[in-house]
Amino acid sequence: MSKGKPLPEKWLNNQKAAKATQVAFDIDEKFQYSIRKAALDRGVSPSDQIRTILGLSVSKRPKRPRLTVSLSGDDYILLAQKYGLDSDAQLEIKKRVLDDLVHFVDKK
């Protein structure tokens, strides 16, 4: 872009987001559980639940509901052994993990 031209609105919003500071709270498990449960019951993230409690704005953009887990190279090796796969078959391992998670929920 040439000098003097205003930045696109999307870029300005990204600039604001980059300046935000994440704040962590070390509070009793009972309070954490209560806030997380309220968020889950409302279908929002714990962060959005905290923003609501504080009377702050919450993004209206829909978020993909997802669960995450970090898997190391050793984890992939163990899971590959469990499923009888090659440890490089990460997509197939992910499918099998998803099957295990679904099975876990179905048993409940």
Protein backbone atom coordinates (compact mmCIF):
# COMPACT_ATOMS: atom_id res chain seq x y z
CA MET A 1 0.00 0.00 0.00
CA SER A 2 1.15 3.47 -0.64
CA LYS A 3 1.66 5.97 2.14
CA GLY A 4 -1.35 8.07 3.03
CA LYS A 5 -3.97 5.44 2.18
CA PRO A 6 -6.07 4.28 5.11
CA LEU A 7 -5.78 0.66 6.19
CA PRO A 8 -8.72 -1.65 5.46
CA GLU A 9 -11.17 -1.99 8.36
CA LYS A 10 -10.35 -5.70 8.75
CA TRP A 11 -6.67 -4.87 9.23
CA LEU A 12 -7.52 -2.24 11.84
CA ASN A 13 -9.59 -4.79 13.76
CA ASN A 14 -6.72 -7.31 13.61
CA GLN A 15 -4.38 -4.61 14.91
CA LYS A 16 -6.69 -4.04 17.91
CA ALA A 17 -6.90 -7.78 18.59
CA ALA A 18 -3.11 -8.06 18.51
CA LYS A 19 -2.91 -5.45 21.27
CA ALA A 20 -5.26 -7.42 23.57
CA THR A 21 -3.67 -9.04 26.61
CA GLN A 22 -4.74 -12.44 27.85
CA VAL A 23 -5.39 -12.50 31.59
CA ALA A 24 -5.32 -15.75 33.58
CA PHE A 25 -7.03 -16.21 36.93
CA ASP A 26 -5.88 -18.69 39.57
CA ILE A 27 -9.10 -19.35 41.45
CA ASP A 28 -10.51 -22.22 43.44
CA GLU A 29 -11.61 -25.27 41.44
CA LYS A 30 -15.20 -24.79 42.61
CA PHE A 31 -15.34 -21.35 41.00
CA GLN A 32 -13.61 -22.55 37.81
CA TYR A 33 -16.04 -25.44 37.53
CA SER A 34 -19.02 -23.16 38.03
CA ILE A 35 -17.89 -20.72 35.33
CA ARG A 36 -16.99 -23.50 32.89
CA LYS A 37 -20.32 -25.26 33.50
CA ALA A 38 -22.26 -22.03 32.96
CA ALA A 39 -20.35 -21.53 29.70
CA LEU A 40 -21.06 -25.09 28.59
CA ASP A 41 -24.75 -24.74 29.47
CA ARG A 42 -24.92 -21.55 27.38
CA GLY A 43 -22.87 -23.04 24.53
CA VAL A 44 -20.13 -20.43 24.80
CA SER A 45 -16.44 -20.51 25.63
CA PRO A 46 -15.28 -19.92 29.22
CA SER A 47 -13.66 -16.71 27.96
CA ASP A 48 -16.98 -15.47 26.56
CA GLN A 49 -18.70 -16.45 29.81
CA ILE A 50 -16.20 -14.37 31.79
CA ARG A 51 -16.70 -11.42 29.41
CA THR A 52 -20.48 -11.73 29.93
CA ILE A 53 -20.08 -11.84 33.72
CA LEU A 54 -17.94 -8.69 33.52
CA GLY A 55 -20.43 -6.93 31.25
CA LEU A 56 -18.01 -6.81 28.32
CA SER A 57 -18.94 -7.30 24.67
CA VAL A 58 -18.79 -10.78 23.22
CA SER A 59 -18.05 -11.55 19.57
CA LYS A 60 -21.17 -12.42 17.62
CA ARG A 61 -19.22 -14.53 15.14
CA PRO A 62 -20.16 -18.20 15.38
CA LYS A 63 -17.34 -20.37 16.66
CA ARG A 64 -16.71 -23.94 15.70
CA PRO A 65 -17.36 -26.09 18.73
CA ARG A 66 -14.36 -28.34 19.05
CA LEU A 67 -12.29 -30.26 21.52
CA THR A 68 -8.53 -30.17 21.33
CA VAL A 69 -5.69 -32.27 22.62
CA SER A 70 -1.97 -31.90 22.00
CA LEU A 71 -0.31 -35.07 20.74
CA SER A 72 3.45 -35.50 20.73
CA GLY A 73 5.41 -37.77 18.44
CA ASP A 74 5.50 -40.34 21.24
CA ASP A 75 1.72 -40.10 21.59
CA TYR A 76 1.32 -40.87 17.88
CA ILE A 77 3.60 -43.89 18.28
CA LEU A 78 1.54 -45.21 21.21
CA LEU A 79 -1.75 -44.57 19.41
CA ALA A 80 -0.44 -46.17 16.22
CA GLN A 81 0.44 -49.30 18.24
CA LYS A 82 -3.00 -49.25 19.88
CA TYR A 83 -4.76 -49.07 16.50
CA GLY A 84 -2.32 -51.28 14.57
CA LEU A 85 -1.28 -48.43 12.29
CA ASP A 86 1.93 -46.74 11.18
CA SER A 87 2.76 -43.71 13.33
CA ASP A 88 2.92 -41.57 10.16
CA ALA A 89 -0.78 -42.28 9.46
CA GLN A 90 -1.84 -39.27 11.51
CA LEU A 91 -5.15 -38.72 9.69
CA GLU A 92 -6.22 -42.32 10.25
CA ILE A 93 -5.09 -42.11 13.89
CA LYS A 94 -7.22 -38.96 14.28
CA LYS A 95 -10.23 -40.84 12.85
CA ARG A 96 -9.70 -43.69 15.30
CA VAL A 97 -9.34 -41.26 18.22
CA LEU A 98 -12.63 -39.63 17.17
CA ASP A 99 -14.25 -43.08 17.12
CA ASP A 100 -12.98 -43.70 20.67
CA LEU A 101 -14.39 -40.35 21.83
CA VAL A 102 -17.78 -41.10 20.25
CA HIS A 103 -17.76 -44.55 21.85
CA PHE A 104 -16.95 -42.95 25.23
CA VAL A 105 -20.00 -40.66 24.95
CA ASP A 106 -22.28 -43.48 23.75
CA LYS A 107 -21.38 -45.53 26.87
CA LYS A 108 -22.53 -42.73 29.18
